[in-house]
Amino acid sequence: MGNYKYITNRTLRNKNNEEKGRLKAFVRNGSDTAEGEYECPECGHKDRINQVWKRPFSVRCSKCGFLMKIPKLKNEIKKKG
């Protein structure tokens, strides 16, 4: 990961559990700010993010207010397994 302490590129689900959105985010070493972009799975709105990074990580759509929660990958894998 080199210059980054966190990188994610995830497919997001809407309220009907359909995979319709996307989130790409990264946090540079020495920073506590997540940068990236998303496509809201609920309304399709696309926007950029620049917000404090903390776990659990989540992003709220700037158009419809839908909360996109990003679980740890190991927890997401356990649910599918």
N, C-alpha and C. Protein backbone atom coordinates (compact mmCIF):
# COMPACT_ATOMS: atom_id res chain seq x y z
N MET A 1 0.81 -1.18 0.00
CA MET A 1 0.00 0.00 0.00
C MET A 1 0.87 1.25 0.00
N GLY A 2 2.13 1.12 0.31
CA GLY A 2 3.07 2.22 0.15
C GLY A 2 2.73 3.49 0.89
N ASN A 3 2.20 4.48 0.19
CA ASN A 3 1.92 5.80 0.75
C ASN A 3 0.55 5.92 1.41
N TYR A 4 -0.17 4.81 1.54
CA TYR A 4 -1.54 4.85 2.06
C TYR A 4 -1.70 3.90 3.23
N LYS A 5 -2.49 4.32 4.23
CA LYS A 5 -2.79 3.41 5.34
C LYS A 5 -4.14 2.74 5.16
N TYR A 6 -4.94 3.23 4.22
CA TYR A 6 -6.24 2.61 3.95
C TYR A 6 -6.63 2.89 2.51
N ILE A 7 -7.06 1.84 1.82
CA ILE A 7 -7.57 1.96 0.45
C ILE A 7 -8.76 1.01 0.32
N THR A 8 -9.84 1.48 -0.28
CA THR A 8 -10.97 0.59 -0.52
C THR A 8 -11.64 0.95 -1.84
N ASN A 9 -12.19 -0.05 -2.48
CA ASN A 9 -12.93 0.10 -3.72
C ASN A 9 -14.08 -0.90 -3.63
N ARG A 10 -15.24 -0.44 -3.19
CA ARG A 10 -16.34 -1.34 -2.85
C ARG A 10 -17.60 -1.11 -3.68
N THR A 11 -18.32 -2.18 -3.89
CA THR A 11 -19.66 -2.12 -4.43
C THR A 11 -20.60 -1.90 -3.25
N LEU A 12 -21.59 -1.04 -3.42
CA LEU A 12 -22.52 -0.72 -2.34
C LEU A 12 -23.92 -1.21 -2.66
N ARG A 13 -24.66 -1.54 -1.61
CA ARG A 13 -26.04 -2.03 -1.76
C ARG A 13 -27.03 -0.97 -1.29
N ASN A 14 -28.18 -0.94 -1.96
CA ASN A 14 -29.23 0.00 -1.57
C ASN A 14 -30.16 -0.64 -0.54
N LYS A 15 -31.27 0.02 -0.22
CA LYS A 15 -32.21 -0.48 0.79
C LYS A 15 -32.84 -1.81 0.38
N ASN A 16 -32.91 -2.07 -0.94
CA ASN A 16 -33.48 -3.33 -1.44
C ASN A 16 -32.42 -4.42 -1.61
N ASN A 17 -31.22 -4.18 -1.08
CA ASN A 17 -30.09 -5.11 -1.12
C ASN A 17 -29.57 -5.35 -2.54
N GLU A 18 -29.79 -4.38 -3.45
CA GLU A 18 -29.30 -4.48 -4.82
C GLU A 18 -27.95 -3.76 -4.91
N GLU A 19 -26.99 -4.37 -5.61
CA GLU A 19 -25.68 -3.75 -5.80
C GLU A 19 -25.81 -2.69 -6.89
N LYS A 20 -25.88 -1.44 -6.49
CA LYS A 20 -26.10 -0.37 -7.45
C LYS A 20 -25.12 0.79 -7.30
N GLY A 21 -24.32 0.81 -6.26
CA GLY A 21 -23.42 1.94 -6.01
C GLY A 21 -21.98 1.53 -5.92
N ARG A 22 -21.13 2.51 -5.72
CA ARG A 22 -19.69 2.25 -5.67
C ARG A 22 -19.04 3.29 -4.77
N LEU A 23 -18.01 2.90 -4.05
CA LEU A 23 -17.21 3.82 -3.25
C LEU A 23 -15.74 3.50 -3.43
N LYS A 24 -14.98 4.51 -3.74
CA LYS A 24 -13.52 4.40 -3.82
C LYS A 24 -12.97 5.43 -2.86
N ALA A 25 -12.13 5.00 -1.92
CA ALA A 25 -11.58 5.93 -0.94
C ALA A 25 -10.18 5.51 -0.53
N PHE A 26 -9.40 6.48 -0.10
CA PHE A 26 -8.06 6.22 0.40
C PHE A 26 -7.71 7.22 1.48
N VAL A 27 -6.78 6.80 2.36
CA VAL A 27 -6.25 7.67 3.41
C VAL A 27 -4.74 7.60 3.30
N ARG A 28 -4.12 8.74 3.11
CA ARG A 28 -2.65 8.80 2.99
C ARG A 28 -2.00 8.60 4.36
N ASN A 29 -0.80 8.02 4.36
CA ASN A 29 -0.03 7.90 5.59
C ASN A 29 0.15 9.29 6.19
N GLY A 30 0.02 9.39 7.51
CA GLY A 30 0.18 10.67 8.19
C GLY A 30 -1.04 11.56 8.13
N SER A 31 -2.15 11.05 7.59
CA SER A 31 -3.38 11.83 7.47
C SER A 31 -4.53 11.09 8.14
N ASP A 32 -5.53 11.82 8.56
CA ASP A 32 -6.76 11.23 9.08
C ASP A 32 -7.95 11.63 8.22
N THR A 33 -7.68 11.95 6.96
CA THR A 33 -8.72 12.38 6.03
C THR A 33 -8.88 11.36 4.92
N ALA A 34 -10.11 10.90 4.74
CA ALA A 34 -10.43 9.99 3.63
C ALA A 34 -10.78 10.84 2.42
N GLU A 35 -10.21 10.48 1.29
CA GLU A 35 -10.48 11.16 0.03
C GLU A 35 -10.99 10.12 -0.95
N GLY A 36 -11.79 10.54 -1.91
CA GLY A 36 -12.27 9.61 -2.92
C GLY A 36 -13.57 10.08 -3.55
N GLU A 37 -14.34 9.07 -4.01
CA GLU A 37 -15.60 9.38 -4.68
C GLU A 37 -16.57 8.23 -4.48
N TYR A 38 -17.85 8.53 -4.69
CA TYR A 38 -18.87 7.50 -4.56
C TYR A 38 -19.99 7.73 -5.56
N GLU A 39 -20.73 6.65 -5.78
CA GLU A 39 -22.00 6.70 -6.49
C GLU A 39 -23.02 6.11 -5.54
N CYS A 40 -24.00 6.89 -5.15
CA CYS A 40 -25.00 6.45 -4.17
C CYS A 40 -25.82 5.29 -4.73
N PRO A 41 -25.93 4.19 -3.99
CA PRO A 41 -26.71 3.05 -4.48
C PRO A 41 -28.21 3.31 -4.41
N GLU A 42 -28.62 4.32 -3.68
CA GLU A 42 -30.04 4.60 -3.53
C GLU A 42 -30.56 5.54 -4.62
N CYS A 43 -29.83 6.64 -4.89
CA CYS A 43 -30.34 7.63 -5.85
C CYS A 43 -29.46 7.80 -7.09
N GLY A 44 -28.26 7.18 -7.10
CA GLY A 44 -27.38 7.26 -8.26
C GLY A 44 -26.52 8.52 -8.32
N HIS A 45 -26.65 9.41 -7.33
CA HIS A 45 -25.86 10.64 -7.29
C HIS A 45 -24.37 10.32 -7.14
N LYS A 46 -23.54 11.03 -7.90
CA LYS A 46 -22.08 10.85 -7.82
C LYS A 46 -21.48 12.09 -7.18
N ASP A 47 -20.51 11.87 -6.28
CA ASP A 47 -19.87 12.99 -5.59
C ASP A 47 -18.51 12.56 -5.08
N ARG A 48 -17.74 13.54 -4.66
CA ARG A 48 -16.43 13.30 -4.10
C ARG A 48 -16.53 13.36 -2.58
N ILE A 49 -15.61 12.68 -1.91
CA ILE A 49 -15.57 12.75 -0.44
C ILE A 49 -14.22 13.28 0.01
N ASN A 50 -14.25 13.99 1.11
CA ASN A 50 -13.07 14.49 1.78
C ASN A 50 -13.51 14.71 3.22
N GLN A 51 -13.36 13.66 4.03
CA GLN A 51 -13.89 13.70 5.39
C GLN A 51 -12.97 12.95 6.35
N VAL A 52 -13.18 13.17 7.63
CA VAL A 52 -12.41 12.49 8.66
C VAL A 52 -12.62 10.99 8.52
N TRP A 53 -11.52 10.24 8.59
CA TRP A 53 -11.59 8.79 8.49
C TRP A 53 -11.57 8.19 9.88
N LYS A 54 -12.57 7.38 10.17
CA LYS A 54 -12.61 6.63 11.41
C LYS A 54 -13.40 5.36 11.16
N ARG A 55 -13.16 4.36 11.99
CA ARG A 55 -13.89 3.10 11.86
C ARG A 55 -15.03 3.07 12.84
N PRO A 56 -16.17 2.55 12.48
CA PRO A 56 -16.51 2.08 11.15
C PRO A 56 -16.69 3.26 10.20
N PHE A 57 -16.20 3.11 8.98
CA PHE A 57 -16.24 4.18 8.00
C PHE A 57 -17.61 4.24 7.35
N SER A 58 -18.15 5.44 7.20
CA SER A 58 -19.42 5.61 6.53
C SER A 58 -19.45 6.96 5.82
N VAL A 59 -20.27 7.03 4.78
CA VAL A 59 -20.42 8.23 3.98
C VAL A 59 -21.92 8.47 3.79
N ARG A 60 -22.34 9.72 3.95
CA ARG A 60 -23.75 10.07 3.74
C ARG A 60 -23.87 10.77 2.39
N CYS A 61 -24.82 10.32 1.56
CA CYS A 61 -25.04 10.92 0.25
C CYS A 61 -25.43 12.39 0.42
N SER A 62 -24.76 13.24 -0.34
CA SER A 62 -25.03 14.68 -0.23
C SER A 62 -26.35 15.08 -0.88
N LYS A 63 -26.97 14.17 -1.63
CA LYS A 63 -28.24 14.49 -2.28
C LYS A 63 -29.44 13.94 -1.51
N CYS A 64 -29.44 12.62 -1.26
CA CYS A 64 -30.62 11.99 -0.64
C CYS A 64 -30.43 11.67 0.84
N GLY A 65 -29.20 11.75 1.35
CA GLY A 65 -28.95 11.47 2.76
C GLY A 65 -28.75 10.01 3.11
N PHE A 66 -28.74 9.11 2.11
CA PHE A 66 -28.56 7.68 2.36
C PHE A 66 -27.20 7.44 3.01
N LEU A 67 -27.16 6.66 4.08
CA LEU A 67 -25.92 6.37 4.80
C LEU A 67 -25.30 5.10 4.24
N MET A 68 -24.11 5.22 3.70
CA MET A 68 -23.38 4.08 3.13
C MET A 68 -22.35 3.64 4.16
N LYS A 69 -22.57 2.50 4.78
CA LYS A 69 -21.66 1.97 5.79
C LYS A 69 -20.68 1.02 5.11
N ILE A 70 -19.41 1.16 5.45
CA ILE A 70 -18.35 0.34 4.85
C ILE A 70 -17.79 -0.56 5.95
N PRO A 71 -18.22 -1.83 6.00
CA PRO A 71 -17.71 -2.74 7.04
C PRO A 71 -16.27 -3.16 6.74
N LYS A 72 -15.59 -3.64 7.78
CA LYS A 72 -14.26 -4.20 7.57
C LYS A 72 -14.39 -5.38 6.62
N LEU A 73 -13.41 -5.56 5.74
CA LEU A 73 -13.48 -6.64 4.76
C LEU A 73 -13.62 -8.00 5.40
N LYS A 74 -12.91 -8.25 6.50
CA LYS A 74 -12.99 -9.57 7.12
C LYS A 74 -14.40 -9.85 7.63
N ASN A 75 -15.11 -8.82 8.10
CA ASN A 75 -16.50 -9.00 8.53
C ASN A 75 -17.42 -9.25 7.34
N GLU A 76 -17.15 -8.58 6.23
CA GLU A 76 -17.95 -8.75 5.03
C GLU A 76 -17.77 -10.16 4.45
N ILE A 77 -16.55 -10.67 4.49
CA ILE A 77 -16.26 -12.01 3.99
C ILE A 77 -16.95 -13.07 4.86
N LYS A 78 -16.96 -12.87 6.17
CA LYS A 78 -17.62 -13.81 7.09
C LYS A 78 -19.10 -13.93 6.76
N LYS A 79 -19.77 -12.79 6.44
CA LYS A 79 -21.20 -12.82 6.13
C LYS A 79 -21.49 -13.62 4.87
N LYS A 80 -20.58 -13.55 3.88
CA LYS A 80 -20.79 -14.25 2.62
C LYS A 80 -20.48 -15.72 2.73
N GLY A 81 -19.58 -16.08 3.65
CA GLY A 81 -19.11 -17.44 3.80
C GLY A 81 -20.05 -18.32 4.49
